[in-house]
Amino acid sequence: MSYLDVTAYYSSDNQPKMLNTYKYSSYTNAIARLKKEGQLREDVEQRQVKYLNNGIESDHAPIKKLIVATGGLKIRKRAWSTIQGFESLRMLNKGQFDFWLRNDEHQTLVRERSAFINRLFNIDVVSQ
């Protein structure tokens, strides 16, 4: 996050009480400059965290592996929907949608998950 990012992101009525940043001196300097110029309130605290993104990165690591395995995101228009699809399937496999599905029996649950994905992504099912 640079000085310009902070000025663009935080309006006068949308300012946090605390900013979490890495331990780079440029963040401290940018925040001090913003406070001095009146673009950031004086009571906004800066919390320096050494490993700020570890939790976020650990959650996105499987998605990154899928993106690399599929050859990357070549078309910008489709990148968002591709990532949404990966995340939806990952959530489904983790059981985060099971409360919407009807049965707890494994075989039925697999069919319910499949039907849920078909409805979610508007996929026509071909009977065998």
N, C-alpha and C. Protein backbone atom coordinates (compact mmCIF):
# COMPACT_ATOMS: atom_id res chain seq x y z
N MET A 1 0.85 -1.16 0.00
CA MET A 1 0.00 0.00 0.00
C MET A 1 0.90 1.23 0.00
N SER A 2 0.74 2.04 -0.97
CA SER A 2 1.56 3.24 -1.08
C SER A 2 0.76 4.45 -0.62
N TYR A 3 1.42 5.59 -0.64
CA TYR A 3 0.78 6.85 -0.27
C TYR A 3 -0.44 7.11 -1.15
N LEU A 4 -0.29 6.89 -2.46
CA LEU A 4 -1.41 7.14 -3.38
C LEU A 4 -2.56 6.17 -3.15
N ASP A 5 -2.24 4.92 -2.81
CA ASP A 5 -3.29 3.95 -2.53
C ASP A 5 -4.13 4.38 -1.34
N VAL A 6 -3.47 4.85 -0.30
CA VAL A 6 -4.19 5.26 0.90
C VAL A 6 -5.08 6.47 0.62
N THR A 7 -4.56 7.45 -0.13
CA THR A 7 -5.36 8.64 -0.42
C THR A 7 -6.57 8.29 -1.29
N ALA A 8 -6.41 7.35 -2.19
CA ALA A 8 -7.52 6.97 -3.07
C ALA A 8 -8.55 6.11 -2.34
N TYR A 9 -8.10 5.29 -1.40
CA TYR A 9 -8.98 4.31 -0.76
C TYR A 9 -9.80 4.89 0.39
N TYR A 10 -9.18 5.69 1.21
CA TYR A 10 -9.85 6.17 2.42
C TYR A 10 -10.36 7.59 2.24
N SER A 11 -11.66 7.74 2.18
CA SER A 11 -12.24 9.07 2.16
C SER A 11 -12.32 9.58 3.60
N SER A 12 -12.71 10.81 3.78
CA SER A 12 -12.73 11.38 5.13
C SER A 12 -13.76 10.70 6.03
N ASP A 13 -14.84 10.17 5.46
CA ASP A 13 -15.85 9.51 6.29
C ASP A 13 -15.68 7.99 6.34
N ASN A 14 -14.69 7.45 5.67
CA ASN A 14 -14.48 6.01 5.63
C ASN A 14 -13.05 5.68 6.06
N GLN A 15 -12.69 6.07 7.26
CA GLN A 15 -11.33 5.83 7.73
C GLN A 15 -11.33 4.83 8.87
N PRO A 16 -10.38 3.92 8.86
CA PRO A 16 -10.33 2.91 9.91
C PRO A 16 -9.78 3.49 11.21
N LYS A 17 -9.95 2.72 12.29
CA LYS A 17 -9.34 3.11 13.56
C LYS A 17 -7.89 2.67 13.60
N MET A 18 -7.59 1.61 12.83
CA MET A 18 -6.24 1.06 12.85
C MET A 18 -5.86 0.59 11.45
N LEU A 19 -4.60 0.80 11.08
CA LEU A 19 -4.06 0.30 9.81
C LEU A 19 -3.03 -0.77 10.13
N ASN A 20 -3.23 -1.96 9.59
CA ASN A 20 -2.24 -3.03 9.74
C ASN A 20 -1.30 -2.98 8.54
N THR A 21 -0.01 -2.87 8.80
CA THR A 21 0.97 -2.79 7.73
C THR A 21 2.13 -3.71 8.03
N TYR A 22 2.94 -3.96 6.99
CA TYR A 22 4.20 -4.65 7.21
C TYR A 22 5.15 -3.72 7.93
N LYS A 23 6.30 -4.23 8.29
CA LYS A 23 7.27 -3.43 9.04
C LYS A 23 8.23 -2.68 8.12
N TYR A 24 7.70 -2.08 7.05
CA TYR A 24 8.52 -1.26 6.17
C TYR A 24 8.41 0.19 6.61
N SER A 25 9.52 0.89 6.56
CA SER A 25 9.51 2.29 7.00
C SER A 25 8.69 3.17 6.06
N SER A 26 8.53 2.76 4.81
CA SER A 26 7.77 3.58 3.87
C SER A 26 6.31 3.71 4.30
N TYR A 27 5.75 2.67 4.93
CA TYR A 27 4.37 2.75 5.41
C TYR A 27 4.26 3.78 6.53
N THR A 28 5.20 3.74 7.45
CA THR A 28 5.20 4.69 8.56
C THR A 28 5.31 6.11 8.04
N ASN A 29 6.20 6.32 7.07
CA ASN A 29 6.37 7.65 6.49
C ASN A 29 5.11 8.12 5.76
N ALA A 30 4.49 7.22 5.00
CA ALA A 30 3.28 7.58 4.25
C ALA A 30 2.13 7.93 5.20
N ILE A 31 1.98 7.16 6.27
CA ILE A 31 0.91 7.42 7.23
C ILE A 31 1.15 8.75 7.95
N ALA A 32 2.40 9.00 8.33
CA ALA A 32 2.73 10.28 8.97
C ALA A 32 2.45 11.45 8.03
N ARG A 33 2.78 11.28 6.77
CA ARG A 33 2.54 12.34 5.78
C ARG A 33 1.04 12.59 5.60
N LEU A 34 0.26 11.51 5.54
CA LEU A 34 -1.19 11.65 5.40
C LEU A 34 -1.81 12.37 6.60
N LYS A 35 -1.33 12.03 7.78
CA LYS A 35 -1.83 12.70 8.99
C LYS A 35 -1.46 14.18 8.97
N LYS A 36 -0.24 14.48 8.56
CA LYS A 36 0.24 15.87 8.53
C LYS A 36 -0.57 16.70 7.53
N GLU A 37 -0.93 16.08 6.38
CA GLU A 37 -1.69 16.78 5.35
C GLU A 37 -3.19 16.81 5.64
N GLY A 38 -3.61 16.12 6.69
CA GLY A 38 -5.02 16.13 7.06
C GLY A 38 -5.88 15.16 6.27
N GLN A 39 -5.27 14.25 5.52
CA GLN A 39 -6.03 13.27 4.74
C GLN A 39 -6.33 12.01 5.55
N LEU A 40 -5.68 11.89 6.70
CA LEU A 40 -5.91 10.77 7.60
C LEU A 40 -6.04 11.34 9.00
N ARG A 41 -7.03 10.87 9.73
CA ARG A 41 -7.25 11.39 11.08
C ARG A 41 -6.03 11.13 11.97
N GLU A 42 -5.82 12.00 12.93
CA GLU A 42 -4.68 11.87 13.84
C GLU A 42 -4.80 10.65 14.75
N ASP A 43 -6.02 10.21 15.05
CA ASP A 43 -6.21 9.10 15.98
C ASP A 43 -6.10 7.72 15.32
N VAL A 44 -5.85 7.67 14.02
CA VAL A 44 -5.67 6.38 13.33
C VAL A 44 -4.33 5.79 13.75
N GLU A 45 -4.39 4.56 14.27
CA GLU A 45 -3.17 3.90 14.73
C GLU A 45 -2.60 3.01 13.63
N GLN A 46 -1.30 2.83 13.67
CA GLN A 46 -0.64 1.91 12.74
C GLN A 46 -0.16 0.72 13.55
N ARG A 47 -0.53 -0.47 13.12
CA ARG A 47 -0.06 -1.69 13.77
C ARG A 47 0.84 -2.41 12.79
N GLN A 48 2.09 -2.57 13.15
CA GLN A 48 3.04 -3.24 12.26
C GLN A 48 3.06 -4.73 12.58
N VAL A 49 2.76 -5.52 11.57
CA VAL A 49 2.68 -6.97 11.72
C VAL A 49 3.68 -7.60 10.77
N LYS A 50 4.53 -8.46 11.31
CA LYS A 50 5.60 -9.03 10.49
C LYS A 50 5.06 -9.96 9.40
N TYR A 51 4.15 -10.84 9.76
CA TYR A 51 3.64 -11.83 8.80
C TYR A 51 2.16 -11.59 8.56
N LEU A 52 1.84 -10.48 7.96
CA LEU A 52 0.45 -10.03 7.82
C LEU A 52 -0.39 -10.94 6.93
N ASN A 53 0.15 -11.39 5.82
CA ASN A 53 -0.65 -12.12 4.83
C ASN A 53 -0.57 -13.64 4.95
N ASN A 54 0.06 -14.17 5.99
CA ASN A 54 0.21 -15.62 6.06
C ASN A 54 -1.13 -16.35 6.09
N GLY A 55 -2.09 -15.85 6.86
CA GLY A 55 -3.41 -16.48 6.92
C GLY A 55 -4.12 -16.43 5.59
N ILE A 56 -4.05 -15.30 4.93
CA ILE A 56 -4.70 -15.13 3.63
C ILE A 56 -4.03 -16.01 2.59
N GLU A 57 -2.71 -15.99 2.56
CA GLU A 57 -1.98 -16.77 1.56
C GLU A 57 -2.18 -18.27 1.76
N SER A 58 -2.26 -18.73 3.01
CA SER A 58 -2.45 -20.16 3.23
C SER A 58 -3.82 -20.61 2.73
N ASP A 59 -4.81 -19.74 2.78
CA ASP A 59 -6.13 -20.08 2.29
C ASP A 59 -6.17 -20.09 0.77
N HIS A 60 -5.37 -19.25 0.11
CA HIS A 60 -5.39 -19.15 -1.34
C HIS A 60 -4.38 -20.06 -2.03
N ALA A 61 -3.53 -20.73 -1.29
CA ALA A 61 -2.51 -21.59 -1.90
C ALA A 61 -3.11 -22.68 -2.80
N PRO A 62 -4.17 -23.39 -2.36
CA PRO A 62 -4.75 -24.40 -3.25
C PRO A 62 -5.33 -23.81 -4.54
N ILE A 63 -5.89 -22.61 -4.45
CA ILE A 63 -6.43 -21.95 -5.64
C ILE A 63 -5.29 -21.60 -6.59
N LYS A 64 -4.19 -21.10 -6.04
CA LYS A 64 -3.03 -20.76 -6.87
C LYS A 64 -2.50 -22.00 -7.59
N LYS A 65 -2.48 -23.15 -6.90
CA LYS A 65 -2.02 -24.39 -7.52
C LYS A 65 -2.93 -24.78 -8.68
N LEU A 66 -4.24 -24.61 -8.50
CA LEU A 66 -5.18 -24.93 -9.58
C LEU A 66 -4.97 -24.01 -10.79
N ILE A 67 -4.73 -22.73 -10.52
CA ILE A 67 -4.52 -21.78 -11.61
C ILE A 67 -3.27 -22.13 -12.40
N VAL A 68 -2.20 -22.48 -11.70
CA VAL A 68 -0.96 -22.86 -12.37
C VAL A 68 -1.17 -24.15 -13.15
N ALA A 69 -1.88 -25.12 -12.55
CA ALA A 69 -2.10 -26.41 -13.20
C ALA A 69 -2.93 -26.29 -14.48
N THR A 70 -3.82 -25.31 -14.53
CA THR A 70 -4.65 -25.13 -15.73
C THR A 70 -4.00 -24.23 -16.76
N GLY A 71 -2.79 -23.79 -16.50
CA GLY A 71 -2.08 -22.97 -17.48
C GLY A 71 -2.25 -21.47 -17.27
N GLY A 72 -2.79 -21.10 -16.14
CA GLY A 72 -2.92 -19.67 -15.83
C GLY A 72 -4.20 -19.07 -16.35
N LEU A 73 -4.37 -17.80 -16.06
CA LEU A 73 -5.56 -17.07 -16.47
C LEU A 73 -5.18 -16.19 -17.65
N LYS A 74 -5.46 -16.67 -18.85
CA LYS A 74 -5.00 -15.97 -20.05
C LYS A 74 -5.94 -14.85 -20.48
N ILE A 75 -7.23 -15.01 -20.23
CA ILE A 75 -8.21 -14.01 -20.67
C ILE A 75 -8.75 -13.30 -19.44
N ARG A 76 -8.53 -12.02 -19.39
CA ARG A 76 -8.89 -11.23 -18.21
C ARG A 76 -10.39 -11.28 -17.91
N LYS A 77 -11.23 -11.29 -18.93
CA LYS A 77 -12.68 -11.31 -18.73
C LYS A 77 -13.13 -12.58 -18.01
N ARG A 78 -12.44 -13.67 -18.26
CA ARG A 78 -12.85 -14.95 -17.68
C ARG A 78 -12.13 -15.27 -16.38
N ALA A 79 -11.16 -14.48 -15.99
CA ALA A 79 -10.38 -14.77 -14.79
C ALA A 79 -11.25 -14.78 -13.55
N TRP A 80 -12.12 -13.79 -13.39
CA TRP A 80 -12.96 -13.70 -12.20
C TRP A 80 -13.87 -14.91 -12.09
N SER A 81 -14.53 -15.28 -13.19
CA SER A 81 -15.46 -16.41 -13.13
C SER A 81 -14.71 -17.73 -12.92
N THR A 82 -13.50 -17.84 -13.45
CA THR A 82 -12.71 -19.05 -13.24
C THR A 82 -12.34 -19.19 -11.77
N ILE A 83 -11.87 -18.11 -11.18
CA ILE A 83 -11.50 -18.15 -9.76
C ILE A 83 -12.73 -18.41 -8.89
N GLN A 84 -13.87 -17.81 -9.22
CA GLN A 84 -15.10 -18.06 -8.48
C GLN A 84 -15.49 -19.54 -8.55
N GLY A 85 -15.34 -20.13 -9.73
CA GLY A 85 -15.64 -21.55 -9.88
C GLY A 85 -14.72 -22.42 -9.05
N PHE A 86 -13.42 -22.12 -9.07
CA PHE A 86 -12.46 -22.87 -8.25
C PHE A 86 -12.82 -22.76 -6.77
N GLU A 87 -13.12 -21.54 -6.32
CA GLU A 87 -13.43 -21.34 -4.91
C GLU A 87 -14.74 -22.01 -4.52
N SER A 88 -15.73 -21.98 -5.41
CA SER A 88 -17.01 -22.63 -5.12
C SER A 88 -16.84 -24.14 -4.99
N LEU A 89 -16.09 -24.73 -5.90
CA LEU A 89 -15.86 -26.18 -5.83
C LEU A 89 -15.05 -26.55 -4.60
N ARG A 90 -14.09 -25.72 -4.25
CA ARG A 90 -13.30 -25.98 -3.05
C ARG A 90 -14.18 -25.91 -1.80
N MET A 91 -15.05 -24.91 -1.74
CA MET A 91 -15.96 -24.80 -0.60
C MET A 91 -16.91 -26.00 -0.55
N LEU A 92 -17.36 -26.44 -1.70
CA LEU A 92 -18.26 -27.59 -1.76
C LEU A 92 -17.55 -28.84 -1.25
N ASN A 93 -16.30 -29.05 -1.68
CA ASN A 93 -15.55 -30.22 -1.24
C ASN A 93 -15.20 -30.16 0.24
N LYS A 94 -15.08 -28.96 0.79
CA LYS A 94 -14.82 -28.81 2.22
C LYS A 94 -16.10 -29.01 3.05
N GLY A 95 -17.25 -29.12 2.38
CA GLY A 95 -18.51 -29.36 3.08
C GLY A 95 -19.20 -28.09 3.55
N GLN A 96 -18.82 -26.95 3.01
CA GLN A 96 -19.40 -25.69 3.47
C GLN A 96 -20.80 -25.44 2.92
N PHE A 97 -21.25 -26.24 1.95
CA PHE A 97 -22.60 -26.10 1.42
C PHE A 97 -23.51 -27.24 1.89
N ASP A 98 -23.00 -28.13 2.71
CA ASP A 98 -23.77 -29.32 3.08
C ASP A 98 -25.06 -29.00 3.82
N PHE A 99 -25.12 -27.87 4.50
CA PHE A 99 -26.36 -27.52 5.21
C PHE A 99 -27.50 -27.23 4.24
N TRP A 100 -27.18 -26.94 2.97
CA TRP A 100 -28.22 -26.72 1.97
C TRP A 100 -28.69 -28.03 1.34
N LEU A 101 -27.88 -29.05 1.47
CA LEU A 101 -28.20 -30.32 0.83
C LEU A 101 -29.03 -31.17 1.79
N ARG A 102 -29.80 -32.09 1.24
CA ARG A 102 -30.83 -32.76 2.03
C ARG A 102 -30.34 -33.91 2.90
N ASN A 103 -29.51 -34.79 2.37
CA ASN A 103 -29.19 -36.03 3.08
C ASN A 103 -27.75 -36.05 3.57
N ASP A 104 -27.53 -36.85 4.62
CA ASP A 104 -26.19 -37.02 5.15
C ASP A 104 -25.53 -38.30 4.66
N GLU A 105 -26.30 -39.17 4.00
CA GLU A 105 -25.71 -40.40 3.48
C GLU A 105 -24.73 -40.05 2.37
N HIS A 106 -23.59 -40.71 2.36
CA HIS A 106 -22.50 -40.33 1.45
C HIS A 106 -22.92 -40.37 -0.02
N GLN A 107 -23.54 -41.47 -0.46
CA GLN A 107 -23.88 -41.61 -1.87
C GLN A 107 -24.88 -40.54 -2.30
N THR A 108 -25.87 -40.29 -1.48
CA THR A 108 -26.86 -39.27 -1.79
C THR A 108 -26.22 -37.89 -1.75
N LEU A 109 -25.30 -37.68 -0.81
CA LEU A 109 -24.63 -36.39 -0.68
C LEU A 109 -23.83 -36.07 -1.94
N VAL A 110 -23.17 -37.07 -2.52
CA VAL A 110 -22.41 -36.86 -3.75
C VAL A 110 -23.35 -36.43 -4.88
N ARG A 111 -24.50 -37.11 -5.01
CA ARG A 111 -25.47 -36.75 -6.03
C ARG A 111 -26.02 -35.34 -5.80
N GLU A 112 -26.31 -35.03 -4.54
CA GLU A 112 -26.83 -33.70 -4.20
C GLU A 112 -25.81 -32.62 -4.51
N ARG A 113 -24.54 -32.88 -4.21
CA ARG A 113 -23.49 -31.91 -4.53
C ARG A 113 -23.39 -31.69 -6.03
N SER A 114 -23.47 -32.78 -6.78
CA SER A 114 -23.41 -32.68 -8.23
C SER A 114 -24.58 -31.88 -8.78
N ALA A 115 -25.77 -32.15 -8.28
CA ALA A 115 -26.96 -31.41 -8.72
C ALA A 115 -26.85 -29.94 -8.33
N PHE A 116 -26.30 -29.67 -7.16
CA PHE A 116 -26.13 -28.29 -6.70
C PHE A 116 -25.20 -27.52 -7.62
N ILE A 117 -24.08 -28.14 -8.01
CA ILE A 117 -23.14 -27.50 -8.93
C ILE A 117 -23.79 -27.27 -10.29
N ASN A 118 -24.56 -28.25 -10.75
CA ASN A 118 -25.25 -28.10 -12.03
C ASN A 118 -26.20 -26.91 -12.02
N ARG A 119 -26.94 -26.76 -10.91
CA ARG A 119 -27.86 -25.61 -10.80
C ARG A 119 -27.08 -24.30 -10.65
N LEU A 120 -26.02 -24.33 -9.87
CA LEU A 120 -25.25 -23.13 -9.58
C LEU A 120 -24.63 -22.54 -10.85
N PHE A 121 -24.07 -23.41 -11.68
CA PHE A 121 -23.38 -22.95 -12.89
C PHE A 121 -24.21 -23.13 -14.15
N ASN A 122 -25.51 -23.45 -13.99
CA ASN A 122 -26.43 -23.57 -15.12
C ASN A 122 -25.93 -24.58 -16.15
N ILE A 123 -25.59 -25.77 -15.67
CA ILE A 123 -25.07 -26.83 -16.52
C ILE A 123 -26.21 -27.80 -16.84
N ASP A 124 -26.40 -28.09 -18.12
CA ASP A 124 -27.40 -29.07 -18.52
C ASP A 124 -26.83 -30.46 -18.31
N VAL A 125 -27.58 -31.31 -17.63
CA VAL A 125 -27.12 -32.66 -17.33
C VAL A 125 -27.59 -33.59 -18.44
N VAL A 126 -26.66 -34.39 -18.94
CA VAL A 126 -26.97 -35.37 -19.97
C VAL A 126 -27.13 -36.72 -19.29
N SER A 127 -28.29 -37.34 -19.43
CA SER A 127 -28.54 -38.64 -18.81
C SER A 127 -27.83 -39.73 -19.59
N GLN A 128 -27.37 -40.74 -18.85
CA GLN A 128 -26.68 -41.86 -19.50
C GLN A 128 -27.59 -43.04 -19.65
